[in-house]
């Protein structure tokens, strides 16, 4: 059985496990140090107080999460958010979890009067590009060598969707 629900502080351990895999082993996130459970709890509290943070449970275990947060801090950007999605490295393949989770997140953002959503993708990342484009995001920018992790430069692309 599968379930999409709002994240809460009790999810922080599992969410930090999912996220820290990407911190330690990939360039998908530009964070270089693992985050603590307490840091994840604070992120959940801060983001959930204004926007949406969802988790996907598969057979009783959280296997993915997605949230939206400020894209930029200036007031005029208040109707544009950045969305983020992470799945457990060992998540069962081909279940459509990313699509279902993003669909739910975008639906919630529509009710919050959000106009535009930005997906920021460290490149290359075929799976993330495919998911964003499947959800109707269009590539609007490509920045070369703006991140540096694991001793090499990383490009970043921006994908945008209007709600």
N, C-alpha and C. Protein backbone atom coordinates (compact mmCIF):
# COMPACT_ATOMS: atom_id res chain seq x y z
N UNK A 1 0.84 -1.19 0.00
CA UNK A 1 0.00 0.00 0.00
C UNK A 1 0.88 1.24 0.00
N UNK A 2 0.43 2.27 -0.70
CA UNK A 2 1.18 3.52 -0.79
C UNK A 2 0.34 4.67 -0.27
N UNK A 3 1.04 5.70 0.22
CA UNK A 3 0.37 6.84 0.83
C UNK A 3 1.23 8.08 0.63
N UNK A 4 0.61 9.18 0.24
CA UNK A 4 1.27 10.48 0.21
C UNK A 4 0.66 11.31 1.32
N UNK A 5 1.52 11.90 2.15
CA UNK A 5 1.03 12.68 3.28
C UNK A 5 2.01 13.80 3.57
N UNK A 6 1.57 14.71 4.44
CA UNK A 6 2.44 15.81 4.87
C UNK A 6 3.57 15.26 5.74
N UNK A 7 4.75 15.79 5.53
CA UNK A 7 5.89 15.43 6.37
C UNK A 7 5.70 16.02 7.76
N UNK A 8 6.30 15.36 8.75
CA UNK A 8 6.29 15.90 10.10
C UNK A 8 7.66 15.65 10.73
N UNK A 9 7.85 16.20 11.92
CA UNK A 9 9.15 16.09 12.59
C UNK A 9 9.58 14.65 12.82
N UNK A 10 8.63 13.75 12.97
CA UNK A 10 8.96 12.35 13.19
C UNK A 10 9.58 11.68 11.97
N UNK A 11 9.47 12.33 10.81
CA UNK A 11 10.06 11.80 9.58
C UNK A 11 11.53 12.19 9.44
N UNK A 12 12.03 13.03 10.30
CA UNK A 12 13.35 13.62 10.12
C UNK A 12 14.47 12.59 10.02
N UNK A 13 14.42 11.54 10.80
CA UNK A 13 15.48 10.53 10.73
C UNK A 13 15.51 9.90 9.34
N UNK A 14 14.37 9.45 8.86
CA UNK A 14 14.33 8.79 7.55
C UNK A 14 14.67 9.77 6.43
N UNK A 15 14.17 10.99 6.51
CA UNK A 15 14.46 11.97 5.47
C UNK A 15 15.94 12.34 5.44
N UNK A 16 16.56 12.43 6.61
CA UNK A 16 18.00 12.72 6.63
C UNK A 16 18.79 11.54 6.08
N UNK A 17 18.33 10.31 6.31
CA UNK A 17 19.00 9.14 5.72
C UNK A 17 18.93 9.19 4.20
N UNK A 18 17.75 9.49 3.67
CA UNK A 18 17.58 9.58 2.22
C UNK A 18 18.48 10.68 1.67
N UNK A 19 18.39 11.86 2.25
CA UNK A 19 19.14 13.02 1.75
C UNK A 19 20.64 12.84 1.88
N UNK A 20 21.09 12.33 3.01
CA UNK A 20 22.53 12.23 3.25
C UNK A 20 23.22 11.28 2.29
N UNK A 21 22.50 10.32 1.75
CA UNK A 21 23.09 9.48 0.70
C UNK A 21 23.56 10.37 -0.45
N UNK A 22 22.70 11.30 -0.87
CA UNK A 22 23.02 12.18 -1.99
C UNK A 22 24.12 13.18 -1.64
N UNK A 23 24.14 13.62 -0.37
CA UNK A 23 25.20 14.52 0.07
C UNK A 23 26.55 13.82 -0.04
N UNK A 24 26.62 12.58 0.44
CA UNK A 24 27.90 11.86 0.50
C UNK A 24 28.36 11.26 -0.82
N UNK A 25 27.42 10.91 -1.71
CA UNK A 25 27.79 10.10 -2.87
C UNK A 25 27.52 10.73 -4.22
N UNK A 26 26.85 11.89 -4.28
CA UNK A 26 26.47 12.45 -5.58
C UNK A 26 26.69 13.96 -5.61
N UNK A 27 26.52 14.50 -6.80
CA UNK A 27 26.54 15.95 -6.97
C UNK A 27 25.13 16.48 -7.17
N UNK A 28 24.13 15.67 -6.87
CA UNK A 28 22.73 16.12 -7.01
C UNK A 28 22.44 17.27 -6.06
N UNK A 29 23.01 17.21 -4.86
CA UNK A 29 22.93 18.34 -3.94
C UNK A 29 24.33 18.92 -3.81
N UNK A 30 24.40 20.21 -3.60
CA UNK A 30 25.70 20.85 -3.44
C UNK A 30 26.13 20.93 -1.98
N UNK A 31 25.32 20.41 -1.08
CA UNK A 31 25.79 20.32 0.29
C UNK A 31 26.90 19.29 0.33
N UNK A 32 27.91 19.55 1.15
CA UNK A 32 29.05 18.65 1.22
C UNK A 32 29.16 17.91 2.55
N UNK A 33 28.43 18.37 3.55
CA UNK A 33 28.43 17.73 4.86
C UNK A 33 27.05 17.17 5.17
N UNK A 34 27.03 15.95 5.71
CA UNK A 34 25.76 15.34 6.09
C UNK A 34 25.02 16.27 7.05
N UNK A 35 23.70 16.21 7.00
CA UNK A 35 22.92 17.01 7.94
C UNK A 35 22.41 16.10 9.06
N UNK A 36 22.24 16.69 10.21
CA UNK A 36 21.77 15.94 11.37
C UNK A 36 20.26 15.78 11.33
N UNK A 37 19.78 14.88 12.13
CA UNK A 37 18.33 14.70 12.26
C UNK A 37 17.70 15.99 12.77
N UNK A 38 18.36 16.66 13.70
CA UNK A 38 17.84 17.92 14.23
C UNK A 38 17.76 18.99 13.15
N UNK A 39 18.77 19.05 12.29
CA UNK A 39 18.73 20.01 11.18
C UNK A 39 17.57 19.70 10.24
N UNK A 40 17.35 18.43 9.97
CA UNK A 40 16.23 18.04 9.10
C UNK A 40 14.90 18.39 9.76
N UNK A 41 14.79 18.16 11.07
CA UNK A 41 13.57 18.54 11.77
C UNK A 41 13.30 20.03 11.62
N UNK A 42 14.33 20.83 11.77
CA UNK A 42 14.15 22.28 11.66
C UNK A 42 13.76 22.68 10.25
N UNK A 43 14.33 22.02 9.25
CA UNK A 43 13.95 22.31 7.87
C UNK A 43 12.48 21.97 7.63
N UNK A 44 12.05 20.84 8.15
CA UNK A 44 10.65 20.44 8.00
C UNK A 44 9.73 21.48 8.64
N UNK A 45 10.06 21.89 9.85
CA UNK A 45 9.26 22.89 10.57
C UNK A 45 9.21 24.20 9.78
N UNK A 46 10.37 24.68 9.35
CA UNK A 46 10.44 25.98 8.67
C UNK A 46 9.67 25.97 7.35
N UNK A 47 9.89 24.95 6.55
CA UNK A 47 9.25 24.91 5.23
C UNK A 47 7.76 24.62 5.36
N UNK A 48 7.41 23.67 6.21
CA UNK A 48 6.00 23.29 6.35
C UNK A 48 5.15 24.40 6.94
N UNK A 49 5.76 25.33 7.63
CA UNK A 49 4.99 26.42 8.22
C UNK A 49 4.43 27.36 7.16
N UNK A 50 5.01 27.35 5.95
CA UNK A 50 4.55 28.24 4.89
C UNK A 50 4.14 27.50 3.63
N UNK A 51 4.84 26.44 3.30
CA UNK A 51 4.63 25.77 2.03
C UNK A 51 4.39 24.27 2.25
N UNK A 52 4.51 23.50 1.20
CA UNK A 52 4.20 22.07 1.29
C UNK A 52 5.46 21.22 1.33
N UNK A 53 5.42 20.22 2.19
CA UNK A 53 6.47 19.19 2.25
C UNK A 53 5.73 17.87 2.37
N UNK A 54 5.87 17.03 1.37
CA UNK A 54 5.16 15.75 1.32
C UNK A 54 6.13 14.58 1.36
N UNK A 55 5.67 13.47 1.91
CA UNK A 55 6.43 12.23 1.86
C UNK A 55 5.59 11.15 1.19
N UNK A 56 6.29 10.20 0.61
CA UNK A 56 5.64 9.06 -0.04
C UNK A 56 6.01 7.81 0.74
N UNK A 57 4.99 7.17 1.28
CA UNK A 57 5.19 5.91 1.99
C UNK A 57 4.85 4.76 1.07
N UNK A 58 5.73 3.78 1.01
CA UNK A 58 5.49 2.56 0.24
C UNK A 58 5.64 1.38 1.20
N UNK A 59 4.56 0.66 1.36
CA UNK A 59 4.54 -0.49 2.29
C UNK A 59 5.01 -0.08 3.69
N UNK A 60 4.53 1.09 4.13
CA UNK A 60 4.79 1.56 5.49
C UNK A 60 6.11 2.27 5.71
N UNK A 61 6.93 2.40 4.67
CA UNK A 61 8.22 3.06 4.83
C UNK A 61 8.28 4.29 3.92
N UNK A 62 8.79 5.39 4.47
CA UNK A 62 8.99 6.59 3.66
C UNK A 62 10.13 6.31 2.68
N UNK A 63 9.82 6.45 1.38
CA UNK A 63 10.82 6.16 0.35
C UNK A 63 11.16 7.38 -0.50
N UNK A 64 10.40 8.46 -0.34
CA UNK A 64 10.68 9.67 -1.12
C UNK A 64 10.01 10.86 -0.46
N UNK A 65 10.50 12.04 -0.81
CA UNK A 65 9.87 13.26 -0.32
C UNK A 65 10.04 14.37 -1.34
N UNK A 66 9.15 15.34 -1.26
CA UNK A 66 9.20 16.51 -2.13
C UNK A 66 8.69 17.70 -1.35
N UNK A 67 9.27 18.85 -1.62
CA UNK A 67 8.81 20.07 -0.97
C UNK A 67 9.05 21.26 -1.87
N UNK A 68 8.45 22.37 -1.49
CA UNK A 68 8.66 23.64 -2.18
C UNK A 68 9.02 24.69 -1.15
N UNK A 69 9.94 25.55 -1.53
CA UNK A 69 10.39 26.61 -0.64
C UNK A 69 10.69 27.85 -1.48
N UNK A 70 11.00 28.93 -0.81
CA UNK A 70 11.30 30.17 -1.51
C UNK A 70 12.35 29.96 -2.58
N UNK A 71 12.11 30.56 -3.72
CA UNK A 71 13.12 30.56 -4.77
C UNK A 71 14.12 31.68 -4.51
N UNK A 72 13.60 32.84 -4.21
CA UNK A 72 14.40 34.01 -3.84
C UNK A 72 13.69 34.69 -2.68
N UNK A 73 14.42 35.44 -1.87
CA UNK A 73 13.83 36.01 -0.66
C UNK A 73 13.14 37.36 -0.86
N UNK A 74 13.35 38.04 -1.95
CA UNK A 74 12.70 39.33 -2.15
C UNK A 74 11.20 39.15 -2.30
N UNK A 75 10.45 40.10 -1.77
CA UNK A 75 8.99 40.01 -1.71
C UNK A 75 8.34 39.79 -3.08
N UNK A 76 8.86 40.41 -4.11
CA UNK A 76 8.25 40.29 -5.44
C UNK A 76 8.31 38.86 -5.98
N UNK A 77 9.17 38.02 -5.42
CA UNK A 77 9.28 36.62 -5.85
C UNK A 77 8.31 35.70 -5.11
N UNK A 78 7.43 36.24 -4.29
CA UNK A 78 6.63 35.42 -3.38
C UNK A 78 5.70 34.42 -4.07
N UNK A 79 5.44 34.59 -5.34
CA UNK A 79 4.56 33.65 -6.06
C UNK A 79 5.35 32.61 -6.87
N UNK A 80 6.66 32.60 -6.66
CA UNK A 80 7.53 31.63 -7.32
C UNK A 80 8.28 30.85 -6.25
N UNK A 81 8.23 29.52 -6.37
CA UNK A 81 8.91 28.65 -5.41
C UNK A 81 9.87 27.72 -6.14
N UNK A 82 10.84 27.23 -5.39
CA UNK A 82 11.73 26.18 -5.89
C UNK A 82 11.24 24.85 -5.34
N UNK A 83 11.13 23.86 -6.19
CA UNK A 83 10.68 22.54 -5.72
C UNK A 83 11.86 21.58 -5.69
N UNK A 84 11.77 20.62 -4.79
CA UNK A 84 12.84 19.65 -4.58
C UNK A 84 12.21 18.28 -4.37
N UNK A 85 12.87 17.26 -4.90
CA UNK A 85 12.39 15.89 -4.71
C UNK A 85 13.59 14.96 -4.54
N UNK A 86 13.47 14.05 -3.60
CA UNK A 86 14.50 13.03 -3.36
C UNK A 86 13.81 11.70 -3.12
N UNK A 87 14.40 10.66 -3.67
CA UNK A 87 13.93 9.31 -3.42
C UNK A 87 15.04 8.49 -2.81
N UNK A 88 14.67 7.52 -2.00
CA UNK A 88 15.66 6.64 -1.40
C UNK A 88 16.47 5.96 -2.50
N UNK A 89 17.76 5.86 -2.28
CA UNK A 89 18.63 5.25 -3.28
C UNK A 89 18.19 3.84 -3.65
N UNK A 90 17.62 3.13 -2.69
CA UNK A 90 17.19 1.75 -2.92
C UNK A 90 15.68 1.65 -3.16
N UNK A 91 15.07 2.78 -3.56
CA UNK A 91 13.63 2.82 -3.81
C UNK A 91 13.26 1.85 -4.93
N UNK A 92 12.15 1.16 -4.77
CA UNK A 92 11.72 0.24 -5.83
C UNK A 92 11.56 0.99 -7.15
N UNK A 93 12.12 0.45 -8.24
CA UNK A 93 12.06 1.15 -9.53
C UNK A 93 10.69 1.04 -10.20
N UNK A 94 10.44 2.00 -11.07
CA UNK A 94 9.30 1.95 -11.99
C UNK A 94 7.93 1.90 -11.32
N UNK A 95 7.81 2.51 -10.17
CA UNK A 95 6.51 2.56 -9.51
C UNK A 95 5.81 3.90 -9.74
N UNK A 96 6.48 4.81 -10.41
CA UNK A 96 5.89 6.13 -10.67
C UNK A 96 5.83 7.00 -9.43
N UNK A 97 6.65 6.71 -8.45
CA UNK A 97 6.61 7.43 -7.18
C UNK A 97 6.91 8.91 -7.37
N UNK A 98 7.95 9.23 -8.13
CA UNK A 98 8.29 10.63 -8.35
C UNK A 98 7.16 11.40 -9.00
N UNK A 99 6.53 10.79 -9.99
CA UNK A 99 5.41 11.43 -10.68
C UNK A 99 4.24 11.66 -9.73
N UNK A 100 3.89 10.65 -8.97
CA UNK A 100 2.76 10.77 -8.03
C UNK A 100 3.04 11.84 -6.97
N UNK A 101 4.25 11.83 -6.46
CA UNK A 101 4.62 12.77 -5.41
C UNK A 101 4.63 14.20 -5.94
N UNK A 102 5.25 14.42 -7.10
CA UNK A 102 5.29 15.75 -7.68
C UNK A 102 3.90 16.23 -8.06
N UNK A 103 3.08 15.34 -8.60
CA UNK A 103 1.71 15.72 -8.96
C UNK A 103 0.97 16.25 -7.72
N UNK A 104 1.11 15.56 -6.60
CA UNK A 104 0.46 16.00 -5.36
C UNK A 104 1.02 17.33 -4.87
N UNK A 105 2.32 17.47 -4.95
CA UNK A 105 2.95 18.72 -4.51
C UNK A 105 2.46 19.89 -5.37
N UNK A 106 2.46 19.72 -6.67
CA UNK A 106 2.04 20.80 -7.56
C UNK A 106 0.57 21.15 -7.35
N UNK A 107 -0.25 20.16 -7.09
CA UNK A 107 -1.67 20.41 -6.82
C UNK A 107 -1.82 21.26 -5.56
N UNK A 108 -1.05 20.94 -4.53
CA UNK A 108 -1.11 21.74 -3.29
C UNK A 108 -0.64 23.17 -3.53
N UNK A 109 0.41 23.32 -4.33
CA UNK A 109 0.92 24.66 -4.60
C UNK A 109 -0.09 25.51 -5.36
N UNK A 110 -0.87 24.89 -6.23
CA UNK A 110 -1.91 25.62 -6.94
C UNK A 110 -2.91 26.23 -5.96
N UNK A 111 -3.23 25.53 -4.90
CA UNK A 111 -4.19 26.04 -3.92
C UNK A 111 -3.59 27.16 -3.07
N UNK A 112 -2.27 27.29 -3.09
CA UNK A 112 -1.58 28.32 -2.32
C UNK A 112 -1.30 29.57 -3.15
N UNK A 113 -1.90 29.64 -4.32
CA UNK A 113 -1.77 30.80 -5.21
C UNK A 113 -0.33 30.98 -5.73
N UNK A 114 0.39 29.89 -5.87
CA UNK A 114 1.73 29.95 -6.44
C UNK A 114 1.58 30.03 -7.96
N UNK A 115 2.34 30.89 -8.57
CA UNK A 115 2.26 31.11 -10.01
C UNK A 115 3.29 30.31 -10.80
N UNK A 116 4.50 30.19 -10.25
CA UNK A 116 5.60 29.59 -10.98
C UNK A 116 6.43 28.72 -10.04
N UNK A 117 6.90 27.59 -10.57
CA UNK A 117 7.74 26.67 -9.78
C UNK A 117 9.02 26.43 -10.58
N UNK A 118 10.14 26.47 -9.88
CA UNK A 118 11.45 26.29 -10.49
C UNK A 118 12.07 24.99 -9.97
N UNK A 119 12.52 24.15 -10.88
CA UNK A 119 13.30 22.97 -10.53
C UNK A 119 14.75 23.25 -10.87
N UNK A 120 15.62 23.13 -9.90
CA UNK A 120 17.05 23.38 -10.08
C UNK A 120 17.75 22.03 -10.11
N UNK A 121 18.41 21.72 -11.23
CA UNK A 121 18.96 20.38 -11.43
C UNK A 121 20.45 20.46 -11.70
N UNK A 122 21.25 19.77 -10.86
CA UNK A 122 22.67 19.62 -11.13
C UNK A 122 22.80 18.66 -12.31
N UNK A 123 23.63 19.05 -13.27
CA UNK A 123 23.71 18.28 -14.52
C UNK A 123 25.05 17.57 -14.65
N UNK A 124 25.03 16.39 -15.25
CA UNK A 124 23.88 15.71 -15.86
C UNK A 124 23.05 14.95 -14.82
N UNK A 125 21.77 14.84 -15.08
CA UNK A 125 20.86 14.07 -14.24
C UNK A 125 19.64 13.71 -15.09
N UNK A 126 19.78 12.68 -15.90
CA UNK A 126 18.74 12.29 -16.85
C UNK A 126 17.41 12.01 -16.17
N UNK A 127 17.44 11.34 -15.02
CA UNK A 127 16.19 10.97 -14.34
C UNK A 127 15.44 12.22 -13.87
N UNK A 128 16.13 13.18 -13.31
CA UNK A 128 15.47 14.39 -12.82
C UNK A 128 14.95 15.23 -13.99
N UNK A 129 15.75 15.35 -15.03
CA UNK A 129 15.30 16.09 -16.21
C UNK A 129 14.04 15.44 -16.78
N UNK A 130 14.05 14.12 -16.90
CA UNK A 130 12.89 13.40 -17.45
C UNK A 130 11.65 13.62 -16.58
N UNK A 131 11.81 13.55 -15.26
CA UNK A 131 10.67 13.76 -14.36
C UNK A 131 10.12 15.17 -14.51
N UNK A 132 10.97 16.15 -14.47
CA UNK A 132 10.51 17.54 -14.57
C UNK A 132 9.80 17.79 -15.90
N UNK A 133 10.38 17.28 -16.98
CA UNK A 133 9.75 17.51 -18.28
C UNK A 133 8.44 16.74 -18.41
N UNK A 134 8.37 15.55 -17.82
CA UNK A 134 7.11 14.80 -17.80
C UNK A 134 6.02 15.58 -17.08
N UNK A 135 6.41 16.33 -16.05
CA UNK A 135 5.46 17.11 -15.26
C UNK A 135 5.15 18.47 -15.89
N UNK A 136 5.71 18.75 -17.05
CA UNK A 136 5.40 19.98 -17.75
C UNK A 136 6.38 21.13 -17.53
N UNK A 137 7.49 20.86 -16.88
CA UNK A 137 8.52 21.89 -16.70
C UNK A 137 9.27 22.06 -18.02
N UNK A 138 9.70 23.28 -18.30
CA UNK A 138 10.49 23.60 -19.49
C UNK A 138 11.83 24.17 -19.06
N UNK A 139 12.88 23.75 -19.75
CA UNK A 139 14.21 24.27 -19.43
C UNK A 139 14.28 25.74 -19.82
N UNK A 140 14.71 26.58 -18.87
CA UNK A 140 14.78 28.02 -19.11
C UNK A 140 16.19 28.60 -18.93
N UNK A 141 17.10 27.80 -18.36
CA UNK A 141 18.46 28.33 -18.14
C UNK A 141 19.44 27.18 -17.95
N UNK A 142 20.67 27.46 -18.32
CA UNK A 142 21.77 26.51 -18.12
C UNK A 142 23.00 27.31 -17.71
N UNK A 143 23.47 27.05 -16.50
CA UNK A 143 24.64 27.74 -15.99
C UNK A 143 25.80 26.76 -15.96
N UNK A 144 26.89 27.12 -16.61
CA UNK A 144 28.05 26.24 -16.70
C UNK A 144 28.98 26.43 -15.50
N UNK A 145 29.40 25.29 -14.95
CA UNK A 145 30.43 25.25 -13.91
C UNK A 145 30.18 26.23 -12.76
N UNK A 146 28.99 26.17 -12.19
CA UNK A 146 28.66 27.05 -11.06
C UNK A 146 28.77 26.34 -9.71
N UNK A 147 28.88 25.02 -9.72
CA UNK A 147 29.06 24.26 -8.50
C UNK A 147 30.38 23.50 -8.55
N UNK A 148 30.94 23.26 -7.40
CA UNK A 148 32.21 22.53 -7.33
C UNK A 148 32.12 21.52 -6.20
N UNK A 149 32.17 20.25 -6.53
CA UNK A 149 32.06 19.19 -5.53
C UNK A 149 32.81 17.97 -6.05
N UNK A 150 33.42 17.23 -5.16
CA UNK A 150 34.18 16.03 -5.51
C UNK A 150 35.24 16.34 -6.58
N UNK A 151 35.86 17.49 -6.44
CA UNK A 151 36.98 17.90 -7.29
C UNK A 151 36.62 18.11 -8.75
N UNK A 152 35.37 18.46 -9.03
CA UNK A 152 35.07 18.85 -10.41
C UNK A 152 33.92 19.86 -10.45
N UNK A 153 33.87 20.58 -11.56
CA UNK A 153 32.86 21.61 -11.76
C UNK A 153 31.57 20.99 -12.25
N UNK A 154 30.45 21.57 -11.83
CA UNK A 154 29.13 21.02 -12.13
C UNK A 154 28.25 22.13 -12.73
N UNK A 155 27.58 21.78 -13.82
CA UNK A 155 26.60 22.68 -14.44
C UNK A 155 25.27 22.56 -13.71
N UNK A 156 24.45 23.59 -13.82
CA UNK A 156 23.13 23.59 -13.22
C UNK A 156 22.13 24.10 -14.26
N UNK A 157 21.00 23.40 -14.35
CA UNK A 157 19.92 23.84 -15.23
C UNK A 157 18.70 24.23 -14.41
N UNK A 158 17.95 25.19 -14.93
CA UNK A 158 16.69 25.59 -14.31
C UNK A 158 15.55 25.16 -15.22
N UNK A 159 14.57 24.50 -14.63
CA UNK A 159 13.34 24.12 -15.33
C UNK A 159 12.19 24.85 -14.65
N UNK A 160 11.26 25.38 -15.42
CA UNK A 160 10.16 26.19 -14.87
C UNK A 160 8.82 25.65 -15.34
N UNK A 161 7.85 25.75 -14.43
CA UNK A 161 6.47 25.38 -14.74
C UNK A 161 5.56 26.46 -14.18
N UNK A 162 4.57 26.86 -15.01
CA UNK A 162 3.55 27.79 -14.55
C UNK A 162 2.36 26.98 -14.09
N UNK A 163 1.81 27.35 -12.94
CA UNK A 163 0.65 26.62 -12.40
C UNK A 163 -0.64 27.29 -12.78
